[in-house]
Protein backbone atom coordinates (compact mmCIF):
# COMPACT_ATOMS: atom_id res chain seq x y z
CA UNK A 1 110.92 109.59 84.40
CA UNK A 2 107.98 111.55 83.00
CA UNK A 3 107.53 109.09 80.12
CA UNK A 4 107.73 106.17 82.55
CA UNK A 5 104.89 107.64 84.63
CA UNK A 6 102.78 108.45 81.58
CA UNK A 7 103.18 104.89 80.28
CA UNK A 8 101.32 103.75 83.40
CA UNK A 9 98.17 105.35 82.03
CA UNK A 10 95.81 103.56 84.42
CA UNK A 11 97.08 105.46 87.48
CA UNK A 12 94.99 108.06 89.33
CA UNK A 13 97.45 108.95 92.13
CA UNK A 14 101.19 109.56 92.26
CA UNK A 15 103.17 109.63 95.50
CA UNK A 16 106.89 110.42 95.29
CA UNK A 17 109.51 110.04 98.02
CA UNK A 18 112.68 112.00 97.33
CA UNK A 19 115.68 110.25 98.87
CA UNK A 20 119.37 109.55 98.25
CA UNK A 21 122.20 110.01 98.89
CA UNK A 22 121.04 113.44 99.86
CA UNK A 23 118.12 114.75 97.79
CA UNK A 24 118.61 118.38 98.81
CA UNK A 25 121.90 118.40 96.88
CA UNK A 26 119.74 118.30 93.74
CA UNK A 27 116.89 120.54 94.91
CA UNK A 28 116.71 122.44 91.61
CA UNK A 29 116.09 119.10 89.87
CA UNK A 30 113.37 118.26 92.39
CA UNK A 31 111.65 121.55 91.56
CA UNK A 32 111.68 121.04 87.77
CA UNK A 33 110.70 117.36 87.96
CA UNK A 34 107.87 118.09 90.38
CA UNK A 35 106.36 120.73 88.10
CA UNK A 36 106.41 118.30 85.19
CA UNK A 37 104.89 115.50 87.28
CA UNK A 38 102.17 117.83 88.58
CA UNK A 39 101.30 118.76 85.01
CA UNK A 40 100.47 115.12 84.16
CA UNK A 41 97.13 115.54 85.90
CA UNK A 42 97.33 112.84 88.58
CA UNK A 43 96.53 113.46 92.24
CA UNK A 44 100.05 114.24 93.44
CA UNK A 45 101.73 114.20 96.83
CA UNK A 46 105.36 113.93 97.96
CA UNK A 47 107.63 113.31 100.92
CA UNK A 48 111.36 113.45 101.49
CA UNK A 49 114.07 111.61 103.42
CA UNK A 50 117.01 113.88 104.18
CA UNK A 51 119.84 114.36 106.65
CA UNK A 52 118.47 117.89 107.21
CA UNK A 53 121.78 119.72 106.86
CA UNK A 54 120.72 121.59 103.71
CA UNK A 55 117.11 122.15 104.80
CA UNK A 56 117.36 125.92 104.46
CA UNK A 57 114.57 128.47 104.72
CA UNK A 58 114.74 129.11 100.97
CA UNK A 59 114.05 125.44 100.20
CA UNK A 60 111.33 125.01 102.83
CA UNK A 61 109.39 127.93 101.34
CA UNK A 62 108.92 125.81 98.19
CA UNK A 63 107.44 122.80 100.03
CA UNK A 64 103.78 123.80 99.80
CA UNK A 65 104.12 124.49 96.06
CA UNK A 66 105.97 121.19 95.60
CA UNK A 67 103.31 119.39 97.70
CA UNK A 68 105.97 117.96 100.03
CA UNK A 69 103.81 117.19 103.05
CA UNK A 70 106.35 115.32 105.21
CA UNK A 71 110.10 115.24 105.72
CA UNK A 72 112.01 112.53 107.56
CA UNK A 73 115.29 113.66 109.11
CA UNK A 74 117.68 111.11 110.59
CA UNK A 75 119.99 111.87 113.49
CA UNK A 76 122.26 109.52 115.41
CA UNK A 77 121.73 110.51 119.01
CA UNK A 78 123.03 113.47 120.98
CA UNK A 79 125.43 116.03 119.56
CA UNK A 80 128.71 114.25 120.31
CA UNK A 81 127.53 110.88 118.98
CA UNK A 82 125.86 112.37 115.93
CA UNK A 83 128.85 114.52 114.96
CA UNK A 84 131.16 111.52 115.30
CA UNK A 85 129.01 109.55 112.83
CA UNK A 86 127.61 112.23 110.51
CA UNK A 87 130.28 114.82 109.84
CA UNK A 88 130.87 116.94 106.76
CA UNK A 89 133.01 115.68 103.90
CA UNK A 90 136.00 117.75 105.02
CA UNK A 91 135.27 117.20 108.72
CA UNK A 92 133.19 119.37 111.00
CA UNK A 93 129.92 119.07 112.96
CA UNK A 94 126.40 118.90 111.55
CA UNK A 95 124.16 118.37 114.60
CA UNK A 96 123.43 121.96 115.60
CA UNK A 97 122.81 123.05 112.03
CA UNK A 98 120.20 120.28 111.64
CA UNK A 99 118.39 121.28 114.85
CA UNK A 100 118.38 124.93 113.76
CA UNK A 101 116.99 123.92 110.37
CA UNK A 102 114.17 121.92 112.00
CA UNK A 103 113.18 124.92 114.11
CA UNK A 104 113.30 127.23 111.12
CA UNK A 105 111.28 124.79 108.98
CA UNK A 106 108.52 124.66 111.60
CA UNK A 107 108.36 128.45 111.65
CA UNK A 108 108.29 128.81 107.87
CA UNK A 109 106.10 125.80 107.01
CA UNK A 110 104.29 124.49 110.12
CA UNK A 111 101.96 122.41 107.91
CA UNK A 112 104.93 120.26 106.82
CA UNK A 113 105.26 117.28 109.13
CA UNK A 114 108.83 116.63 110.24
CA UNK A 115 109.55 113.07 111.34
CA UNK A 116 112.77 112.80 113.33
CA UNK A 117 114.19 109.30 113.15
CA UNK A 118 116.79 108.69 115.86
CA UNK A 119 119.02 105.78 114.91
CA UNK A 120 119.28 103.44 117.90
CA UNK A 121 121.81 100.69 118.60
CA UNK A 122 123.44 99.26 121.72
CA UNK A 123 125.97 102.10 121.93
CA UNK A 124 123.56 105.05 121.99
CA UNK A 125 120.16 103.70 123.07
CA UNK A 126 119.88 105.95 126.14
CA UNK A 127 120.37 109.04 124.01
CA UNK A 128 117.04 108.53 122.24
CA UNK A 129 115.12 109.66 125.32
CA UNK A 130 117.21 112.81 125.71
CA UNK A 131 116.53 113.69 122.08
CA UNK A 132 112.83 112.90 122.62
CA UNK A 133 112.68 115.19 125.66
CA UNK A 134 114.45 117.96 123.75
CA UNK A 135 111.72 118.00 121.09
CA UNK A 136 108.95 117.62 123.66
CA UNK A 137 110.19 120.74 125.41
CA UNK A 138 110.36 122.65 122.13
CA UNK A 139 106.65 121.98 121.48
CA UNK A 140 106.95 122.38 117.74
CA UNK A 141 103.56 122.27 115.98
CA UNK A 142 104.27 119.33 113.67
CA UNK A 143 107.27 117.24 114.74
CA UNK A 144 107.22 113.53 115.56
CA UNK A 145 110.19 111.61 117.03
CA UNK A 146 110.66 107.86 116.83
CA UNK A 147 113.47 105.31 117.36
CA UNK A 148 114.92 103.82 114.17
CA UNK A 149 116.47 100.53 115.21
CA UNK A 150 119.61 99.92 113.16
CA UNK A 151 119.51 96.70 111.12
CA UNK A 152 122.27 94.35 110.03
CA UNK A 153 121.37 93.15 106.53
CA UNK A 154 124.49 91.01 106.11
CA UNK A 155 124.05 87.26 105.68
CA UNK A 156 125.72 86.31 108.96
CA UNK A 157 123.89 88.89 111.09
CA UNK A 158 126.72 88.93 113.63
CA UNK A 159 126.86 92.68 114.27
CA UNK A 160 126.73 92.87 118.06
CA UNK A 161 125.88 96.57 118.06
CA UNK A 162 122.31 96.03 116.84
CA UNK A 163 119.31 94.89 118.85
CA UNK A 164 117.39 91.74 118.06
CA UNK A 165 113.59 91.84 118.01
CA UNK A 166 113.18 90.71 121.63
CA UNK A 167 115.53 93.46 122.79
CA UNK A 168 113.64 96.02 120.70
CA UNK A 169 110.43 94.93 122.40
CA UNK A 170 112.08 95.29 125.82
CA UNK A 171 113.35 98.75 124.85
CA UNK A 172 109.84 99.87 123.90
CA UNK A 173 108.33 98.49 127.12
CA UNK A 174 110.92 100.47 129.07
CA UNK A 175 110.19 103.54 126.93
CA UNK A 176 106.51 103.29 127.78
CA UNK A 177 106.89 102.83 131.54
CA UNK A 178 109.76 105.22 132.21
CA UNK A 179 109.36 107.86 129.51
CA UNK A 180 105.65 107.72 128.54
CA UNK A 181 106.60 106.95 124.95
CA UNK A 182 104.05 104.78 123.18
CA UNK A 183 105.30 103.23 119.95
CA UNK A 184 103.01 102.44 117.02
CA UNK A 185 105.14 99.34 116.46
CA UNK A 186 103.90 97.80 119.65
CA UNK A 187 100.20 97.23 119.10
CA UNK A 188 98.08 95.71 116.35
CA UNK A 189 96.52 98.19 113.95
CA UNK A 190 93.03 98.06 112.46
CA UNK A 191 94.59 98.82 109.07
CA UNK A 192 97.13 96.30 107.77
CA UNK A 193 99.80 98.03 105.67
CA UNK A 194 101.87 95.53 103.73
CA UNK A 195 105.26 96.77 102.50
CA UNK A 196 105.15 98.53 99.14
CA UNK A 197 107.46 95.97 97.51
CA UNK A 198 104.40 93.71 97.20
CA UNK A 199 102.63 96.39 95.17
CA UNK A 200 103.32 96.20 91.41
CA UNK A 201 102.97 100.00 91.19
CA UNK A 202 105.69 100.73 93.77
CA UNK A 203 109.06 101.45 92.15
CA UNK A 204 112.44 102.61 93.47
CA UNK A 205 114.38 104.51 90.83
CA UNK A 206 118.17 104.47 91.18
CA UNK A 207 120.62 107.17 90.01
CA UNK A 208 121.26 105.43 86.66
CA UNK A 209 117.57 104.95 85.92
CA UNK A 210 117.68 101.38 87.20
CA UNK A 211 114.55 100.01 88.86
CA UNK A 212 114.34 98.23 92.20
CA UNK A 213 111.54 96.99 94.38
CA UNK A 214 113.30 97.60 97.72
CA UNK A 215 115.65 100.44 98.57
CA UNK A 216 117.83 98.03 100.53
CA UNK A 217 118.96 96.84 97.08
CA UNK A 218 119.90 100.23 95.60
CA UNK A 219 123.40 100.07 94.12
CA UNK A 220 123.35 96.29 93.71
CA UNK A 221 122.60 95.88 90.00
CA UNK A 222 122.04 92.15 90.46
CA UNK A 223 118.95 93.08 92.50
CA UNK A 224 117.70 95.62 89.95
CA UNK A 225 114.92 94.20 87.79
CA UNK A 226 115.18 96.66 84.91
CA UNK A 227 115.54 100.24 83.73
CA UNK A 228 113.23 103.19 83.39
CA UNK A 229 113.32 102.97 79.59
CA UNK A 230 111.36 99.71 79.80
CA UNK A 231 114.17 97.12 79.69
CA UNK A 232 113.73 94.14 82.03
CA UNK A 233 117.07 92.70 83.14
CA UNK A 234 116.19 90.45 86.09
CA UNK A 235 112.57 89.42 85.83
CA UNK A 236 113.02 86.80 88.57
CA UNK A 237 113.88 89.55 91.08
CA UNK A 238 110.65 91.36 90.27
CA UNK A 239 108.52 88.25 90.78
CA UNK A 240 110.39 87.37 93.96
CA UNK A 241 109.31 90.62 95.57
CA UNK A 242 105.76 90.34 94.33
CA UNK A 243 104.97 86.79 95.44
CA UNK A 244 107.85 84.93 97.11
CA UNK A 245 107.90 84.12 100.85
CA UNK A 246 104.38 85.50 101.25
CA UNK A 247 103.14 85.10 104.82
CA UNK A 248 99.67 84.35 103.47
CA UNK A 249 101.05 81.04 102.20
CA UNK A 250 103.18 80.30 105.27
CA UNK A 251 101.73 77.47 107.40
CA UNK A 252 103.49 78.74 110.53
CA UNK A 253 102.05 82.22 109.99
CA UNK A 254 98.59 80.82 109.24
CA UNK A 255 98.58 79.02 112.59
CA UNK A 256 99.67 82.11 114.56
CA UNK A 257 97.19 83.82 116.88
CA UNK A 258 98.21 87.21 115.47
CA UNK A 259 97.82 86.26 111.80
CA UNK A 260 94.64 88.36 111.22
CA UNK A 261 96.41 91.57 112.34
CA UNK A 262 99.90 90.88 110.97
CA UNK A 263 101.52 92.21 107.79
CA UNK A 264 104.00 89.34 107.64
CA UNK A 265 107.06 91.42 108.48
CA UNK A 266 109.75 92.64 106.11
CA UNK A 267 109.46 90.96 102.66
CA UNK A 268 113.14 91.75 101.97
CA UNK A 269 114.17 89.70 105.00
CA UNK A 270 111.58 86.96 104.44
CA UNK A 271 112.90 86.45 100.90
CA UNK A 272 116.49 86.53 102.14
CA UNK A 273 115.66 83.92 104.77
CA UNK A 274 114.23 81.64 102.11
CA UNK A 275 117.02 82.21 99.57
CA UNK A 276 120.04 81.92 101.85
CA UNK A 277 118.82 79.90 104.80
CA UNK A 278 118.98 82.82 107.25
CA UNK A 279 116.71 82.63 110.25
CA UNK A 280 116.06 86.29 110.98
CA UNK A 281 112.95 86.92 113.03
CA UNK A 282 110.38 88.72 110.85
CA UNK A 283 107.46 88.57 113.28
CA UNK A 284 105.73 91.78 114.34
CA UNK A 285 106.94 93.29 117.59
CA UNK A 286 103.52 93.16 119.21
CA UNK A 287 103.81 89.37 119.19
CA UNK A 288 106.53 89.80 121.81
CA UNK A 289 104.39 92.17 123.85
CA UNK A 290 102.35 89.42 125.50
CA UNK A 291 102.22 91.19 128.85
CA UNK A 292 100.27 94.07 127.32
CA UNK A 293 98.00 92.48 124.73
CA UNK A 294 94.72 91.01 125.95
CA UNK A 295 93.67 87.99 123.93
CA UNK A 296 91.12 86.53 126.36
CA UNK A 297 89.32 87.62 129.51
CA UNK A 298 87.68 85.80 132.39
CA UNK A 299 85.32 88.04 134.35
CA UNK A 300 84.08 87.37 137.87
CA UNK A 301 81.04 89.47 138.76
CA UNK A 302 79.80 90.17 142.26
CA UNK A 303 76.08 89.57 142.83
CA UNK A 304 74.02 92.66 143.62
CA UNK A 305 70.51 93.79 144.40
CA UNK A 306 68.56 93.52 141.14
CA UNK A 307 66.16 96.38 141.92
CA UNK A 308 69.01 98.75 142.76
CA UNK A 309 70.89 97.77 139.60
CA UNK A 310 67.83 98.29 137.37
CA UNK A 311 67.24 101.68 138.98
CA UNK A 312 70.87 102.68 138.34
CA UNK A 313 70.64 101.55 134.70
CA UNK A 314 67.44 103.52 134.14
CA UNK A 315 68.87 106.69 135.65
CA UNK A 316 71.92 106.47 133.41
CA UNK A 317 69.73 105.79 130.38
CA UNK A 318 67.59 108.88 131.13
CA UNK A 319 70.72 111.01 131.56
CA UNK A 320 72.02 109.85 128.17
CA UNK A 321 68.71 110.66 126.44
CA UNK A 322 68.68 114.10 128.06
CA UNK A 323 72.25 114.98 127.00
CA UNK A 324 72.71 113.13 123.69
CA UNK A 325 70.68 113.11 120.43
CA UNK A 326 69.75 109.44 120.66
CA UNK A 327 66.48 110.04 118.83
CA UNK A 328 68.35 110.75 115.56
CA UNK A 329 70.76 108.55 113.57
CA UNK A 330 74.45 109.26 114.16
CA UNK A 331 77.77 107.48 114.58
CA UNK A 332 78.12 108.61 118.18
CA UNK A 333 80.77 111.06 119.38
CA UNK A 334 82.87 112.36 116.48
CA UNK A 335 86.00 113.87 118.04
CA UNK A 336 88.28 112.64 120.78
CA UNK A 337 88.45 114.96 123.78
CA UNK A 338 91.76 116.91 123.81
CA UNK A 339 93.65 116.88 127.10
CA UNK A 340 91.88 119.03 129.67
CA UNK A 341 88.87 119.85 127.46
CA UNK A 342 85.65 118.40 126.08
CA UNK A 343 85.34 118.40 122.29
CA UNK A 344 81.60 119.14 122.41
CA UNK A 345 82.12 122.14 124.66
CA UNK A 346 84.82 123.58 122.37
CA UNK A 347 82.60 123.14 119.29
CA UNK A 348 79.69 124.79 121.10
CA UNK A 349 81.87 127.76 122.12
CA UNK A 350 82.69 128.24 118.44
CA UNK A 351 78.97 128.70 117.79
CA UNK A 352 78.71 125.66 115.54
CA UNK A 353 75.67 123.94 117.04
CA UNK A 354 73.12 123.53 114.27
CA UNK A 355 75.68 124.04 111.51
CA UNK A 356 74.57 122.06 108.43
CA UNK A 357 76.05 120.60 105.25
CA UNK A 358 73.47 118.77 103.17
CA UNK A 359 71.60 116.41 105.48
CA UNK A 360 74.32 116.40 108.17
CA UNK A 361 73.91 118.71 111.17
CA UNK A 362 75.94 119.43 114.29
CA UNK A 363 73.49 118.36 116.98
CA UNK A 364 71.70 121.11 118.93
CA UNK A 365 71.68 118.83 121.97
CA UNK A 366 75.36 117.78 122.01
CA UNK A 367 77.89 119.48 119.72
CA UNK A 368 80.17 116.42 119.47
CA UNK A 369 77.45 114.54 117.57
CA UNK A 370 76.82 114.95 113.85
CA UNK A 371 73.33 113.69 113.16
CA UNK A 372 71.65 112.59 109.95
CA UNK A 373 68.65 114.86 109.56
CA UNK A 374 67.71 114.17 105.96
CA UNK A 375 69.53 111.51 103.93
CA UNK A 376 73.00 112.80 104.81
CA UNK A 377 75.89 111.51 102.70
CA UNK A 378 79.32 110.55 103.96
CA UNK A 379 80.65 113.47 101.95
CA UNK A 380 78.36 115.87 103.89
CA UNK A 381 79.79 114.68 107.20
CA UNK A 382 83.39 114.98 106.00
CA UNK A 383 82.80 118.52 104.72
CA UNK A 384 81.04 119.49 107.93
């Protein structure tokens, strides 16, 4: 593994996700490998996907040293459902141990983000909200909960326990209205993140040193493109994942209203659709959220008294000039107001008005503005 990384001598960053199987079964190996990877000299960061059962205090204490910044833990609903699906090898429950480990991890390493994925299908969908409320009430400093909709990757796609994309969209609408849960899946993002399989530098390493592009393929040697020692066994698989079924070359996608803010959906499924004739829907969920996405607006304005309107505009303009540093260059307000507070007021109470880094200064007029006083650099603003 170390030689494989070093052979890619053009890299500047290395991000590792430890997964399995269960990665915590081989925690000692994670420790030794991490130290060797850190010694290579790249900017290093790591995450982990685990069932959480072995997430003990002793292991969590190593996370900062190992630069493991996030941990995803998967559960299958409430205690009874989870224990029926995820029991120990010899039988026995796991649910309560996992919850205890999450609490302990947040006490020992609150800087480590814990992402709780709750597997959702037709048989347990209502349980997601009870799990969500449990963690909301706990108010842990760094825990996020989200629904992981179970997929059927078989060719026939006839598993009636899983939701289709329209039903997932309906679930998320219901989650928003009834439970105040707002999913990132549901709205376009300013940053388009295409799946890593399209990136030539993204590699999934299997237990025998075999290389894959997608972890859906792990264990299927026909979908492995080579080995970590440099052998290439299925070059066609590699090129499939890099260029085949690309939404950028899809006429239907090109004609879609959402094309500029779409990542094309799952490449694994797009390629499978093309290879086997499947017709799985790969469109982004926000395409099915038409009731909540504004794509055009018609505005009807009521006529008013022009003198009164001009007077109102001028008064508001004067108020802005009196309260905001509009005479100096800035990017406007920097921080979002936290619930129940004003960011500028909090910064001012900390005594930071006038604080300077290089040419960037916290405004003396309004503490939520960072103004450019003398050729400030972006780096100055970030440091400030």
